[in-house]
């Protein structure tokens, strides 16, 4: 499985959460419920600030 994890900062509540870059389901913020990532069939569409990237394994 190729891909990496990114740390995304929610623009509504400032919570930082780790998201898989090729997410196949909608990812919501664990604190406020705002949609952080939407699946597109390839890389997920991330509408918030990416603050870090983990290395792919």
C-alpha atoms as a PDB file:
ATOM      1  CA  UNK A   1       0.000   0.000   0.000  1.00  0.00           C
ATOM      2  CA  UNK A   2       1.717   3.143  -1.182  1.00  0.00           C
ATOM      3  CA  UNK A   3       0.848   6.411   0.492  1.00  0.00           C
ATOM      4  CA  UNK A   4       1.691   8.436   3.503  1.00  0.00           C
ATOM      5  CA  UNK A   5       0.075   9.946   6.539  1.00  0.00           C
ATOM      6  CA  UNK A   6      -0.275  13.710   6.944  1.00  0.00           C
ATOM      7  CA  UNK A   7      -0.998  15.795   9.999  1.00  0.00           C
ATOM      8  CA  UNK A   8      -3.941  18.106   9.303  1.00  0.00           C
ATOM      9  CA  UNK A   9      -4.907  21.142  11.390  1.00  0.00           C
ATOM     10  CA  UNK A  10      -8.650  21.808  11.597  1.00  0.00           C
ATOM     11  CA  UNK A  11      -9.347  25.438  10.683  1.00  0.00           C
ATOM     12  CA  UNK A  12     -12.419  25.562  12.948  1.00  0.00           C
ATOM     13  CA  UNK A  13     -11.119  24.250  16.295  1.00  0.00           C
ATOM     14  CA  UNK A  14      -7.300  24.136  15.800  1.00  0.00           C
ATOM     15  CA  UNK A  15      -7.220  20.362  16.519  1.00  0.00           C
ATOM     16  CA  UNK A  16      -4.400  18.473  14.775  1.00  0.00           C
ATOM     17  CA  UNK A  17      -5.171  14.997  13.492  1.00  0.00           C
ATOM     18  CA  UNK A  18      -3.289  12.379  11.460  1.00  0.00           C
ATOM     19  CA  UNK A  19      -5.003  11.396   8.183  1.00  0.00           C
ATOM     20  CA  UNK A  20      -4.044   8.835   5.524  1.00  0.00           C
ATOM     21  CA  UNK A  21      -3.304  10.718   2.308  1.00  0.00           C
ATOM     22  CA  UNK A  22      -5.292   8.217   0.208  1.00  0.00           C
ATOM     23  CA  UNK A  23      -8.305   7.986   2.522  1.00  0.00           C
ATOM     24  CA  UNK A  24     -11.168   5.938   1.059  1.00  0.00           C
ATOM     25  CA  UNK A  25     -13.802   7.343   3.434  1.00  0.00           C
ATOM     26  CA  UNK A  26     -14.651  10.830   4.614  1.00  0.00           C
ATOM     27  CA  UNK A  27     -12.495  11.851   7.590  1.00  0.00           C
ATOM     28  CA  UNK A  28     -14.060  14.166  10.171  1.00  0.00           C
ATOM     29  CA  UNK A  29     -12.390  16.141  12.955  1.00  0.00           C
ATOM     30  CA  UNK A  30     -12.503  14.184  16.213  1.00  0.00           C
ATOM     31  CA  UNK A  31     -13.323  17.343  18.201  1.00  0.00           C
ATOM     32  CA  UNK A  32     -15.812  19.406  16.181  1.00  0.00           C
ATOM     33  CA  UNK A  33     -16.887  17.062  13.364  1.00  0.00           C
ATOM     34  CA  UNK A  34     -15.755  19.253  10.461  1.00  0.00           C
ATOM     35  CA  UNK A  35     -14.853  17.309   7.304  1.00  0.00           C
ATOM     36  CA  UNK A  36     -11.047  17.201   6.995  1.00  0.00           C
ATOM     37  CA  UNK A  37     -10.620  14.893   3.991  1.00  0.00           C
ATOM     38  CA  UNK A  38     -12.912  13.745   1.189  1.00  0.00           C
ATOM     39  CA  UNK A  39     -12.106  10.655  -0.927  1.00  0.00           C
ATOM     40  CA  UNK A  40     -11.595  11.187  -4.667  1.00  0.00           C
ATOM     41  CA  UNK A  41     -10.532   7.739  -5.868  1.00  0.00           C
ATOM     42  CA  UNK A  42      -6.820   8.555  -5.509  1.00  0.00           C
ATOM     43  CA  UNK A  43      -5.359  11.046  -3.087  1.00  0.00           C
ATOM     44  CA  UNK A  44      -7.976  12.470  -0.744  1.00  0.00           C
ATOM     45  CA  UNK A  45      -8.967  16.109  -1.095  1.00  0.00           C
ATOM     46  CA  UNK A  46      -7.769  17.840   2.082  1.00  0.00           C
ATOM     47  CA  UNK A  47      -9.374  21.246   2.614  1.00  0.00           C
ATOM     48  CA  UNK A  48      -7.407  22.245   5.714  1.00  0.00           C
ATOM     49  CA  UNK A  49      -3.783  23.100   6.520  1.00  0.00           C
ATOM     50  CA  UNK A  50      -1.293  20.211   6.321  1.00  0.00           C
ATOM     51  CA  UNK A  51       1.218  20.751   9.130  1.00  0.00           C
ATOM     52  CA  UNK A  52       3.400  17.669   8.668  1.00  0.00           C
ATOM     53  CA  UNK A  53       4.027  14.568   6.567  1.00  0.00           C
ATOM     54  CA  UNK A  54       5.081  11.134   7.794  1.00  0.00           C
ATOM     55  CA  UNK A  55       7.389   9.073   5.599  1.00  0.00           C
ATOM     56  CA  UNK A  56       5.875   6.390   3.380  1.00  0.00           C
ATOM     57  CA  UNK A  57       6.840   2.841   4.302  1.00  0.00           C
END
